[in-house]
Amino acid sequence: MSFKDDLKKTGANIKDSLDEAGHRANAGSEKATRDLAGDQMSTGEKAGSMFRQGAETVKADVDATKRDIRSKT
């Protein structure tokens, strides 16, 4: 690999790491919202929050997987 390719790979890894951290923070925030609000949230609000948490977790896992694949090539 050339220096340029290595630099590109490093930049992409940094971006994916930052994206993953943001998604995990958002997922944690959704859980914390449910923990704090508890019974004040309706069933629909809780379900929506759980869905958003799951979506953010999946996005974080995708970013981690992209990084893993990139490091193996």
C-alpha atoms as a PDB file:
ATOM      1  CA  MET A   1       0.000   0.000   0.000  1.00  0.00           C
ATOM      2  CA  SER A   2       1.066   3.495  -0.690  1.00  0.00           C
ATOM      3  CA  PHE A   3       1.276   6.269   1.834  1.00  0.00           C
ATOM      4  CA  LYS A   4      -1.778   7.872   0.238  1.00  0.00           C
ATOM      5  CA  ASP A   5      -3.825   4.684   0.670  1.00  0.00           C
ATOM      6  CA  ASP A   6      -2.707   4.341   4.287  1.00  0.00           C
ATOM      7  CA  LEU A   7      -3.685   7.933   4.955  1.00  0.00           C
ATOM      8  CA  LYS A   8      -7.099   7.389   3.378  1.00  0.00           C
ATOM      9  CA  LYS A   9      -7.628   4.233   5.443  1.00  0.00           C
ATOM     10  CA  THR A  10      -6.637   6.002   8.661  1.00  0.00           C
ATOM     11  CA  GLY A  11      -9.008   8.876   7.940  1.00  0.00           C
ATOM     12  CA  ALA A  12     -11.875   6.481   7.254  1.00  0.00           C
ATOM     13  CA  ASN A  13     -11.117   4.562  10.465  1.00  0.00           C
ATOM     14  CA  ILE A  14     -11.154   7.765  12.506  1.00  0.00           C
ATOM     15  CA  LYS A  15     -14.467   8.825  10.964  1.00  0.00           C
ATOM     16  CA  ASP A  16     -16.023   5.414  11.642  1.00  0.00           C
ATOM     17  CA  SER A  17     -14.725   5.443  15.236  1.00  0.00           C
ATOM     18  CA  LEU A  18     -16.262   8.848  15.857  1.00  0.00           C
ATOM     19  CA  ASP A  19     -19.528   7.810  14.217  1.00  0.00           C
ATOM     20  CA  GLU A  20     -19.631   4.627  16.298  1.00  0.00           C
ATOM     21  CA  ALA A  21     -19.045   6.555  19.529  1.00  0.00           C
ATOM     22  CA  GLY A  22     -21.839   8.980  18.634  1.00  0.00           C
ATOM     23  CA  HIS A  23     -24.271   6.177  17.872  1.00  0.00           C
ATOM     24  CA  ARG A  24     -23.425   4.376  21.123  1.00  0.00           C
ATOM     25  CA  ALA A  25     -23.902   7.623  23.051  1.00  0.00           C
ATOM     26  CA  ASN A  26     -27.303   8.125  21.430  1.00  0.00           C
ATOM     27  CA  ALA A  27     -28.306   4.557  22.285  1.00  0.00           C
ATOM     28  CA  GLY A  28     -27.231   5.103  25.893  1.00  0.00           C
ATOM     29  CA  SER A  29     -29.186   8.337  25.992  1.00  0.00           C
ATOM     30  CA  GLU A  30     -32.366   6.577  24.884  1.00  0.00           C
ATOM     31  CA  LYS A  31     -31.959   3.979  27.640  1.00  0.00           C
ATOM     32  CA  ALA A  32     -31.241   6.666  30.220  1.00  0.00           C
ATOM     33  CA  THR A  33     -34.362   8.549  29.112  1.00  0.00           C
ATOM     34  CA  ARG A  34     -36.481   5.455  29.723  1.00  0.00           C
ATOM     35  CA  ASP A  35     -34.779   4.782  33.048  1.00  0.00           C
ATOM     36  CA  LEU A  36     -35.379   8.340  34.250  1.00  0.00           C
ATOM     37  CA  ALA A  37     -38.885   8.881  32.878  1.00  0.00           C
ATOM     38  CA  GLY A  38     -40.078   5.409  33.822  1.00  0.00           C
ATOM     39  CA  ASP A  39     -43.837   5.347  34.271  1.00  0.00           C
ATOM     40  CA  GLN A  40     -44.247   8.884  32.942  1.00  0.00           C
ATOM     41  CA  MET A  41     -43.680   7.586  29.398  1.00  0.00           C
ATOM     42  CA  SER A  42     -46.543   5.985  27.539  1.00  0.00           C
ATOM     43  CA  THR A  43     -46.152   2.515  26.093  1.00  0.00           C
ATOM     44  CA  GLY A  44     -45.805   4.046  22.628  1.00  0.00           C
ATOM     45  CA  GLU A  45     -43.090   6.413  23.792  1.00  0.00           C
ATOM     46  CA  LYS A  46     -41.194   3.546  25.433  1.00  0.00           C
ATOM     47  CA  ALA A  47     -41.495   1.418  22.298  1.00  0.00           C
ATOM     48  CA  GLY A  48     -40.262   4.287  20.139  1.00  0.00           C
ATOM     49  CA  SER A  49     -37.347   4.865  22.483  1.00  0.00           C
ATOM     50  CA  MET A  50     -36.458   1.166  22.418  1.00  0.00           C
ATOM     51  CA  PHE A  51     -36.613   1.196  18.616  1.00  0.00           C
ATOM     52  CA  ARG A  52     -34.346   4.262  18.431  1.00  0.00           C
ATOM     53  CA  GLN A  53     -31.904   2.634  20.854  1.00  0.00           C
ATOM     54  CA  GLY A  54     -31.812  -0.510  18.721  1.00  0.00           C
ATOM     55  CA  ALA A  55     -31.323   1.481  15.532  1.00  0.00           C
ATOM     56  CA  GLU A  56     -28.428   3.432  17.028  1.00  0.00           C
ATOM     57  CA  THR A  57     -26.826   0.209  18.289  1.00  0.00           C
ATOM     58  CA  VAL A  58     -27.067  -1.335  14.823  1.00  0.00           C
ATOM     59  CA  LYS A  59     -25.531   1.794  13.256  1.00  0.00           C
ATOM     60  CA  ALA A  60     -22.658   1.615  15.762  1.00  0.00           C
ATOM     61  CA  ASP A  61     -22.112  -2.067  14.986  1.00  0.00           C
ATOM     62  CA  VAL A  62     -22.033  -1.310  11.246  1.00  0.00           C
ATOM     63  CA  ASP A  63     -19.358   1.341  11.791  1.00  0.00           C
ATOM     64  CA  ALA A  64     -17.307  -1.097  13.899  1.00  0.00           C
ATOM     65  CA  THR A  65     -17.667  -3.799  11.242  1.00  0.00           C
ATOM     66  CA  LYS A  66     -16.545  -1.422   8.477  1.00  0.00           C
ATOM     67  CA  ARG A  67     -13.445  -0.640  10.512  1.00  0.00           C
ATOM     68  CA  ASP A  68     -12.755  -4.338  11.152  1.00  0.00           C
ATOM     69  CA  ILE A  69     -13.109  -5.220   7.464  1.00  0.00           C
ATOM     70  CA  ARG A  70     -10.866  -2.331   6.473  1.00  0.00           C
ATOM     71  CA  SER A  71      -8.160  -3.449   8.903  1.00  0.00           C
ATOM     72  CA  LYS A  72      -8.189  -6.992   7.472  1.00  0.00           C
ATOM     73  CA  THR A  73      -7.631  -5.835   3.885  1.00  0.00           C
END
